[in-house]
């Protein structure tokens, strides 16, 4: 799989209304690596990591589509 660099930036993600947090009472301990902070009873999702994983997902979809899958 060739690595491509998609133009995904945090400002556009926020403008698009990306999900970036949830209440601390509704959390799964396996999500700990993806949480960057806790403020006012809300876990804040690490958007930098989200952008990286979104880029990797775009690579996978692009490769599958190019192979006709």
N, C-alpha and C. Protein backbone atom coordinates (compact mmCIF):
# COMPACT_ATOMS: atom_id res chain seq x y z
N UNK A 1 0.85 -1.18 0.00
CA UNK A 1 0.00 0.00 0.00
C UNK A 1 0.89 1.24 0.00
N UNK A 2 0.71 2.06 -1.00
CA UNK A 2 1.48 3.30 -1.10
C UNK A 2 0.92 4.33 -0.12
N UNK A 3 1.79 5.02 0.53
CA UNK A 3 1.37 6.05 1.50
C UNK A 3 1.13 7.36 0.76
N UNK A 4 -0.06 7.88 0.88
CA UNK A 4 -0.41 9.17 0.27
C UNK A 4 -0.63 10.17 1.40
N UNK A 5 -0.51 11.42 1.09
CA UNK A 5 -0.72 12.45 2.10
C UNK A 5 -1.96 13.25 1.73
N UNK A 6 -3.03 12.97 2.46
CA UNK A 6 -4.30 13.65 2.23
C UNK A 6 -4.25 14.99 2.96
N UNK A 7 -4.90 15.96 2.39
CA UNK A 7 -4.91 17.30 2.97
C UNK A 7 -6.02 17.39 4.02
N UNK A 8 -5.78 16.83 5.20
CA UNK A 8 -6.74 16.85 6.30
C UNK A 8 -6.16 17.75 7.38
N UNK A 9 -6.83 18.86 7.66
CA UNK A 9 -6.31 19.73 8.72
C UNK A 9 -7.38 19.93 9.80
N UNK A 10 -6.94 20.32 10.96
CA UNK A 10 -7.82 20.41 12.12
C UNK A 10 -8.90 21.47 11.97
N UNK A 11 -8.57 22.58 11.31
CA UNK A 11 -9.56 23.65 11.15
C UNK A 11 -10.75 23.16 10.33
N UNK A 12 -10.48 22.44 9.24
CA UNK A 12 -11.56 21.93 8.40
C UNK A 12 -12.35 20.85 9.14
N UNK A 13 -11.67 20.07 9.95
CA UNK A 13 -12.38 19.05 10.73
C UNK A 13 -13.36 19.71 11.69
N UNK A 14 -12.93 20.78 12.36
CA UNK A 14 -13.82 21.47 13.29
C UNK A 14 -14.97 22.14 12.57
N UNK A 15 -14.70 22.75 11.40
CA UNK A 15 -15.77 23.37 10.62
C UNK A 15 -16.80 22.35 10.16
N UNK A 16 -16.34 21.13 9.88
CA UNK A 16 -17.25 20.07 9.43
C UNK A 16 -18.04 19.48 10.58
N UNK A 17 -17.68 19.83 11.81
CA UNK A 17 -18.42 19.37 12.98
C UNK A 17 -17.99 17.99 13.45
N UNK A 18 -16.70 17.72 13.37
CA UNK A 18 -16.18 16.43 13.80
C UNK A 18 -16.45 16.24 15.29
N UNK A 19 -16.71 15.01 15.68
CA UNK A 19 -16.97 14.66 17.08
C UNK A 19 -15.66 14.77 17.85
N UNK A 20 -15.61 15.56 18.89
CA UNK A 20 -14.34 15.74 19.59
C UNK A 20 -14.40 15.57 21.10
N UNK A 21 -15.47 15.00 21.62
CA UNK A 21 -15.49 14.76 23.05
C UNK A 21 -16.80 14.12 23.51
N UNK A 22 -16.76 13.56 24.70
CA UNK A 22 -17.95 12.96 25.30
C UNK A 22 -17.82 13.02 26.82
N UNK A 23 -18.92 12.81 27.49
CA UNK A 23 -18.93 12.87 28.94
C UNK A 23 -18.03 11.82 29.58
N UNK A 24 -17.43 12.16 30.70
CA UNK A 24 -16.50 11.25 31.36
C UNK A 24 -17.21 10.03 31.92
N UNK A 25 -18.50 10.11 32.15
CA UNK A 25 -19.25 8.97 32.66
C UNK A 25 -19.48 7.92 31.59
N UNK A 26 -19.43 8.31 30.32
CA UNK A 26 -19.70 7.40 29.20
C UNK A 26 -18.41 7.07 28.47
N UNK A 27 -17.50 6.41 29.11
CA UNK A 27 -16.25 6.15 28.42
C UNK A 27 -15.84 4.70 28.58
N UNK A 28 -15.06 4.25 27.64
CA UNK A 28 -14.53 2.90 27.62
C UNK A 28 -13.03 3.02 27.90
N UNK A 29 -12.49 2.29 28.86
CA UNK A 29 -11.07 2.39 29.19
C UNK A 29 -10.13 2.14 28.00
N UNK A 30 -10.58 1.37 27.01
CA UNK A 30 -9.75 1.12 25.83
C UNK A 30 -9.57 2.37 24.98
N UNK A 31 -10.34 3.40 25.23
CA UNK A 31 -10.22 4.65 24.48
C UNK A 31 -9.19 5.60 25.08
N UNK A 32 -8.58 5.23 26.19
CA UNK A 32 -7.62 6.09 26.89
C UNK A 32 -6.50 6.62 25.98
N UNK A 33 -5.93 5.82 25.06
CA UNK A 33 -4.87 6.37 24.21
C UNK A 33 -5.34 7.48 23.26
N UNK A 34 -6.64 7.56 23.03
CA UNK A 34 -7.17 8.53 22.07
C UNK A 34 -7.71 9.79 22.75
N UNK A 35 -7.67 9.83 24.07
CA UNK A 35 -8.17 10.99 24.82
C UNK A 35 -7.00 11.88 25.18
N UNK A 36 -7.09 13.15 24.81
CA UNK A 36 -5.97 14.05 25.07
C UNK A 36 -6.11 14.84 26.36
N UNK A 37 -7.35 15.08 26.81
CA UNK A 37 -7.54 15.89 28.02
C UNK A 37 -8.92 15.62 28.62
N UNK A 38 -9.09 16.10 29.84
CA UNK A 38 -10.38 16.02 30.53
C UNK A 38 -10.69 17.41 31.05
N UNK A 39 -11.79 17.99 30.58
CA UNK A 39 -12.16 19.34 31.01
C UNK A 39 -13.66 19.40 31.29
N UNK A 40 -14.01 19.92 32.44
CA UNK A 40 -15.41 20.14 32.82
C UNK A 40 -16.28 18.91 32.61
N UNK A 41 -15.77 17.75 32.99
CA UNK A 41 -16.53 16.52 32.88
C UNK A 41 -16.63 15.96 31.48
N UNK A 42 -15.76 16.40 30.58
CA UNK A 42 -15.78 15.93 29.20
C UNK A 42 -14.38 15.44 28.82
N UNK A 43 -14.31 14.27 28.21
CA UNK A 43 -13.05 13.78 27.65
C UNK A 43 -12.90 14.38 26.26
N UNK A 44 -11.78 14.99 26.00
CA UNK A 44 -11.50 15.61 24.71
C UNK A 44 -10.67 14.63 23.87
N UNK A 45 -11.19 14.31 22.69
CA UNK A 45 -10.52 13.39 21.79
C UNK A 45 -9.32 14.07 21.13
N UNK A 46 -8.25 13.33 20.96
CA UNK A 46 -7.04 13.83 20.32
C UNK A 46 -7.28 13.96 18.82
N UNK A 47 -7.53 15.16 18.33
CA UNK A 47 -7.86 15.38 16.92
C UNK A 47 -6.67 15.19 16.00
N UNK A 48 -5.47 15.39 16.49
CA UNK A 48 -4.28 15.17 15.66
C UNK A 48 -4.18 13.69 15.31
N UNK A 49 -4.38 12.86 16.30
CA UNK A 49 -4.35 11.42 16.06
C UNK A 49 -5.52 10.99 15.18
N UNK A 50 -6.69 11.61 15.39
CA UNK A 50 -7.85 11.31 14.56
C UNK A 50 -7.57 11.65 13.10
N UNK A 51 -6.93 12.78 12.85
CA UNK A 51 -6.60 13.17 11.48
C UNK A 51 -5.64 12.17 10.84
N UNK A 52 -4.67 11.69 11.61
CA UNK A 52 -3.73 10.71 11.08
C UNK A 52 -4.44 9.41 10.70
N UNK A 53 -5.31 8.93 11.59
CA UNK A 53 -6.03 7.69 11.31
C UNK A 53 -7.03 7.88 10.17
N UNK A 54 -7.61 9.06 10.05
CA UNK A 54 -8.51 9.33 8.94
C UNK A 54 -7.75 9.29 7.62
N UNK A 55 -6.54 9.81 7.62
CA UNK A 55 -5.70 9.75 6.43
C UNK A 55 -5.38 8.30 6.06
N UNK A 56 -5.08 7.47 7.05
CA UNK A 56 -4.81 6.07 6.79
C UNK A 56 -6.05 5.36 6.26
N UNK A 57 -7.22 5.71 6.78
CA UNK A 57 -8.46 5.12 6.28
C UNK A 57 -8.71 5.54 4.82
N UNK A 58 -8.39 6.78 4.50
CA UNK A 58 -8.53 7.25 3.11
C UNK A 58 -7.61 6.45 2.18
N UNK A 59 -6.40 6.13 2.65
CA UNK A 59 -5.49 5.30 1.87
C UNK A 59 -6.09 3.93 1.59
N UNK A 60 -6.66 3.31 2.63
CA UNK A 60 -7.25 2.00 2.46
C UNK A 60 -8.42 2.02 1.48
N UNK A 61 -9.28 3.00 1.59
CA UNK A 61 -10.42 3.12 0.68
C UNK A 61 -9.95 3.38 -0.74
N UNK A 62 -8.97 4.26 -0.90
CA UNK A 62 -8.43 4.59 -2.22
C UNK A 62 -7.84 3.34 -2.88
N UNK A 63 -7.06 2.57 -2.11
CA UNK A 63 -6.45 1.35 -2.66
C UNK A 63 -7.51 0.32 -3.03
N UNK A 64 -8.52 0.15 -2.17
CA UNK A 64 -9.58 -0.81 -2.48
C UNK A 64 -10.36 -0.40 -3.72
N UNK A 65 -10.64 0.89 -3.84
CA UNK A 65 -11.39 1.38 -5.00
C UNK A 65 -10.56 1.25 -6.28
N UNK A 66 -9.26 1.47 -6.19
CA UNK A 66 -8.42 1.37 -7.38
C UNK A 66 -8.30 -0.08 -7.85
N UNK A 67 -8.53 -1.05 -6.93
CA UNK A 67 -8.49 -2.46 -7.30
C UNK A 67 -9.88 -2.98 -7.69
N UNK A 68 -10.86 -2.10 -7.69
CA UNK A 68 -12.22 -2.47 -8.08
C UNK A 68 -13.01 -3.22 -7.01
N UNK A 69 -12.62 -3.07 -5.78
CA UNK A 69 -13.32 -3.76 -4.68
C UNK A 69 -14.42 -2.90 -4.12
